[in-house]
Amino acid sequence: MNNKIIKLGSFFSGIGSPEKALEKLKEEGIVNDFKIEFFSEIDKNAIKSYCAIHNVDASLNSGDIKQIKG
């Protein structure tokens, strides 16, 4: 197993289904660990849900994808 941490950024994040999949893989020992670096979502209810589900602060939300500079 690799000891590196997966750094994750997601666009059109919704409630973060891929993040939940990584959490499950971590529980099963398939991945060592991951860290949510940012997410991008504009729906206020999805943002609240995402933060609650993944225990992250809303400050990680990069907001509207059209406003993100690569």
N, C-alpha and C. Protein backbone atom coordinates (compact mmCIF):
# COMPACT_ATOMS: atom_id res chain seq x y z
N MET A 1 0.83 -1.17 0.00
CA MET A 1 0.00 0.00 0.00
C MET A 1 0.89 1.24 0.00
N ASN A 2 0.44 2.27 -0.70
CA ASN A 2 1.16 3.52 -0.80
C ASN A 2 0.79 4.41 0.40
N ASN A 3 1.76 5.05 1.02
CA ASN A 3 1.50 5.89 2.18
C ASN A 3 1.18 7.33 1.83
N LYS A 4 1.10 7.66 0.56
CA LYS A 4 0.82 9.02 0.15
C LYS A 4 -0.65 9.37 0.38
N ILE A 5 -0.88 10.64 0.65
CA ILE A 5 -2.24 11.15 0.83
C ILE A 5 -2.75 11.65 -0.52
N ILE A 6 -3.94 11.24 -0.88
CA ILE A 6 -4.59 11.72 -2.09
C ILE A 6 -5.15 13.11 -1.80
N LYS A 7 -4.75 14.10 -2.60
CA LYS A 7 -5.29 15.45 -2.47
C LYS A 7 -6.42 15.58 -3.47
N LEU A 8 -7.59 15.96 -2.97
CA LEU A 8 -8.80 15.94 -3.78
C LEU A 8 -9.38 17.33 -3.95
N GLY A 9 -9.72 17.66 -5.18
CA GLY A 9 -10.50 18.85 -5.51
C GLY A 9 -11.63 18.41 -6.40
N SER A 10 -12.83 18.89 -6.14
CA SER A 10 -13.94 18.45 -6.97
C SER A 10 -14.74 19.63 -7.51
N PHE A 11 -15.21 19.46 -8.72
CA PHE A 11 -16.06 20.44 -9.38
C PHE A 11 -17.47 19.87 -9.51
N PHE A 12 -18.48 20.75 -9.53
CA PHE A 12 -19.87 20.30 -9.57
C PHE A 12 -20.09 19.29 -8.46
N SER A 13 -19.69 19.64 -7.27
CA SER A 13 -19.52 18.71 -6.16
C SER A 13 -20.80 18.07 -5.62
N GLY A 14 -21.91 18.78 -5.69
CA GLY A 14 -23.12 18.23 -5.11
C GLY A 14 -22.89 17.92 -3.65
N ILE A 15 -23.24 16.70 -3.23
CA ILE A 15 -23.02 16.31 -1.84
C ILE A 15 -21.72 15.52 -1.66
N GLY A 16 -20.98 15.32 -2.74
CA GLY A 16 -19.66 14.70 -2.63
C GLY A 16 -19.65 13.18 -2.66
N SER A 17 -20.34 12.58 -3.61
CA SER A 17 -20.35 11.12 -3.71
C SER A 17 -18.97 10.51 -3.92
N PRO A 18 -18.11 11.07 -4.78
CA PRO A 18 -16.76 10.48 -4.91
C PRO A 18 -15.97 10.52 -3.61
N GLU A 19 -16.18 11.55 -2.81
CA GLU A 19 -15.51 11.66 -1.53
C GLU A 19 -15.96 10.54 -0.59
N LYS A 20 -17.25 10.23 -0.62
CA LYS A 20 -17.76 9.12 0.19
C LYS A 20 -17.17 7.80 -0.28
N ALA A 21 -16.98 7.65 -1.58
CA ALA A 21 -16.36 6.43 -2.11
C ALA A 21 -14.93 6.31 -1.60
N LEU A 22 -14.18 7.41 -1.60
CA LEU A 22 -12.81 7.39 -1.07
C LEU A 22 -12.80 7.05 0.42
N GLU A 23 -13.79 7.57 1.15
CA GLU A 23 -13.88 7.25 2.58
C GLU A 23 -14.07 5.75 2.78
N LYS A 24 -14.93 5.15 1.96
CA LYS A 24 -15.16 3.70 2.04
C LYS A 24 -13.89 2.93 1.69
N LEU A 25 -13.17 3.36 0.65
CA LEU A 25 -11.92 2.71 0.27
C LEU A 25 -10.87 2.83 1.38
N LYS A 26 -10.88 3.96 2.07
CA LYS A 26 -9.96 4.14 3.21
C LYS A 26 -10.32 3.16 4.33
N GLU A 27 -11.61 3.03 4.62
CA GLU A 27 -12.06 2.09 5.66
C GLU A 27 -11.65 0.66 5.34
N GLU A 28 -11.66 0.33 4.05
CA GLU A 28 -11.32 -1.02 3.61
C GLU A 28 -9.82 -1.22 3.43
N GLY A 29 -9.03 -0.17 3.67
CA GLY A 29 -7.58 -0.27 3.57
C GLY A 29 -7.05 -0.24 2.15
N ILE A 30 -7.88 0.17 1.20
CA ILE A 30 -7.45 0.21 -0.20
C ILE A 30 -6.67 1.49 -0.50
N VAL A 31 -7.07 2.58 0.10
CA VAL A 31 -6.29 3.82 0.03
C VAL A 31 -5.87 4.19 1.45
N ASN A 32 -4.72 4.82 1.58
CA ASN A 32 -4.21 5.18 2.89
C ASN A 32 -5.00 6.34 3.49
N ASP A 33 -5.08 7.44 2.77
CA ASP A 33 -5.78 8.61 3.27
C ASP A 33 -6.02 9.59 2.13
N PHE A 34 -6.94 10.52 2.35
CA PHE A 34 -7.19 11.58 1.38
C PHE A 34 -7.54 12.85 2.12
N LYS A 35 -7.33 13.98 1.44
CA LYS A 35 -7.63 15.29 2.02
C LYS A 35 -8.37 16.11 0.98
N ILE A 36 -9.49 16.68 1.40
CA ILE A 36 -10.25 17.55 0.50
C ILE A 36 -9.57 18.92 0.50
N GLU A 37 -9.02 19.30 -0.64
CA GLU A 37 -8.35 20.59 -0.78
C GLU A 37 -9.35 21.69 -1.10
N PHE A 38 -10.33 21.39 -1.95
CA PHE A 38 -11.37 22.35 -2.31
C PHE A 38 -12.53 21.60 -2.93
N PHE A 39 -13.67 22.26 -2.97
CA PHE A 39 -14.80 21.78 -3.74
C PHE A 39 -15.46 22.98 -4.40
N SER A 40 -16.23 22.73 -5.44
CA SER A 40 -16.86 23.81 -6.19
C SER A 40 -18.35 23.50 -6.33
N GLU A 41 -19.15 24.31 -5.68
CA GLU A 41 -20.61 24.12 -5.72
C GLU A 41 -21.28 25.47 -5.54
N ILE A 42 -22.42 25.66 -6.22
CA ILE A 42 -23.14 26.93 -6.10
C ILE A 42 -24.48 26.80 -5.39
N ASP A 43 -25.02 25.59 -5.30
CA ASP A 43 -26.30 25.40 -4.64
C ASP A 43 -26.13 25.47 -3.13
N LYS A 44 -26.85 26.40 -2.49
CA LYS A 44 -26.65 26.64 -1.06
C LYS A 44 -26.97 25.41 -0.21
N ASN A 45 -27.98 24.64 -0.59
CA ASN A 45 -28.31 23.44 0.18
C ASN A 45 -27.28 22.34 -0.02
N ALA A 46 -26.76 22.22 -1.23
CA ALA A 46 -25.71 21.23 -1.49
C ALA A 46 -24.45 21.59 -0.72
N ILE A 47 -24.14 22.88 -0.63
CA ILE A 47 -22.95 23.33 0.11
C ILE A 47 -23.09 22.96 1.59
N LYS A 48 -24.24 23.25 2.17
CA LYS A 48 -24.47 22.91 3.58
C LYS A 48 -24.37 21.41 3.79
N SER A 49 -24.97 20.64 2.89
CA SER A 49 -24.93 19.18 3.00
C SER A 49 -23.51 18.66 2.86
N TYR A 50 -22.79 19.17 1.85
CA TYR A 50 -21.41 18.74 1.61
C TYR A 50 -20.56 18.95 2.87
N CYS A 51 -20.67 20.14 3.44
CA CYS A 51 -19.86 20.47 4.62
C CYS A 51 -20.21 19.57 5.80
N ALA A 52 -21.50 19.30 5.98
CA ALA A 52 -21.92 18.44 7.09
C ALA A 52 -21.49 16.99 6.88
N ILE A 53 -21.66 16.49 5.67
CA ILE A 53 -21.32 15.10 5.37
C ILE A 53 -19.82 14.85 5.49
N HIS A 54 -19.01 15.79 5.01
CA HIS A 54 -17.56 15.59 4.96
C HIS A 54 -16.81 16.31 6.07
N ASN A 55 -17.55 16.96 6.96
CA ASN A 55 -16.95 17.64 8.10
C ASN A 55 -15.87 18.63 7.68
N VAL A 56 -16.22 19.48 6.71
CA VAL A 56 -15.31 20.52 6.24
C VAL A 56 -16.00 21.87 6.34
N ASP A 57 -15.20 22.91 6.34
CA ASP A 57 -15.72 24.27 6.43
C ASP A 57 -16.11 24.77 5.04
N ALA A 58 -17.12 25.62 5.00
CA ALA A 58 -17.58 26.18 3.73
C ALA A 58 -16.51 27.02 3.04
N SER A 59 -15.48 27.43 3.76
CA SER A 59 -14.40 28.22 3.16
C SER A 59 -13.63 27.42 2.11
N LEU A 60 -13.76 26.10 2.11
CA LEU A 60 -13.12 25.27 1.08
C LEU A 60 -13.87 25.32 -0.24
N ASN A 61 -15.06 25.90 -0.24
CA ASN A 61 -15.85 25.99 -1.46
C ASN A 61 -15.30 27.09 -2.37
N SER A 62 -14.89 26.70 -3.56
CA SER A 62 -14.37 27.66 -4.54
C SER A 62 -15.48 28.35 -5.30
N GLY A 63 -16.73 27.93 -5.08
CA GLY A 63 -17.87 28.59 -5.68
C GLY A 63 -18.08 28.25 -7.15
N ASP A 64 -18.59 29.22 -7.87
CA ASP A 64 -18.96 29.07 -9.28
C ASP A 64 -17.75 28.71 -10.13
N ILE A 65 -17.85 27.62 -10.84
CA ILE A 65 -16.72 27.15 -11.68
C ILE A 65 -16.32 28.17 -12.72
N LYS A 66 -17.26 29.01 -13.16
CA LYS A 66 -16.95 30.04 -14.17
C LYS A 66 -16.02 31.12 -13.62
N GLN A 67 -15.95 31.22 -12.28
CA GLN A 67 -15.13 32.25 -11.65
C GLN A 67 -13.77 31.73 -11.19
N ILE A 68 -13.52 30.43 -11.33
CA ILE A 68 -12.27 29.85 -10.86
C ILE A 68 -11.18 30.06 -11.89
N LYS A 69 -10.08 30.59 -11.46
CA LYS A 69 -8.92 30.79 -12.34
C LYS A 69 -7.98 29.59 -12.15
N GLY A 70 -7.69 28.91 -13.25
CA GLY A 70 -6.88 27.69 -13.19
C GLY A 70 -5.45 27.92 -12.93
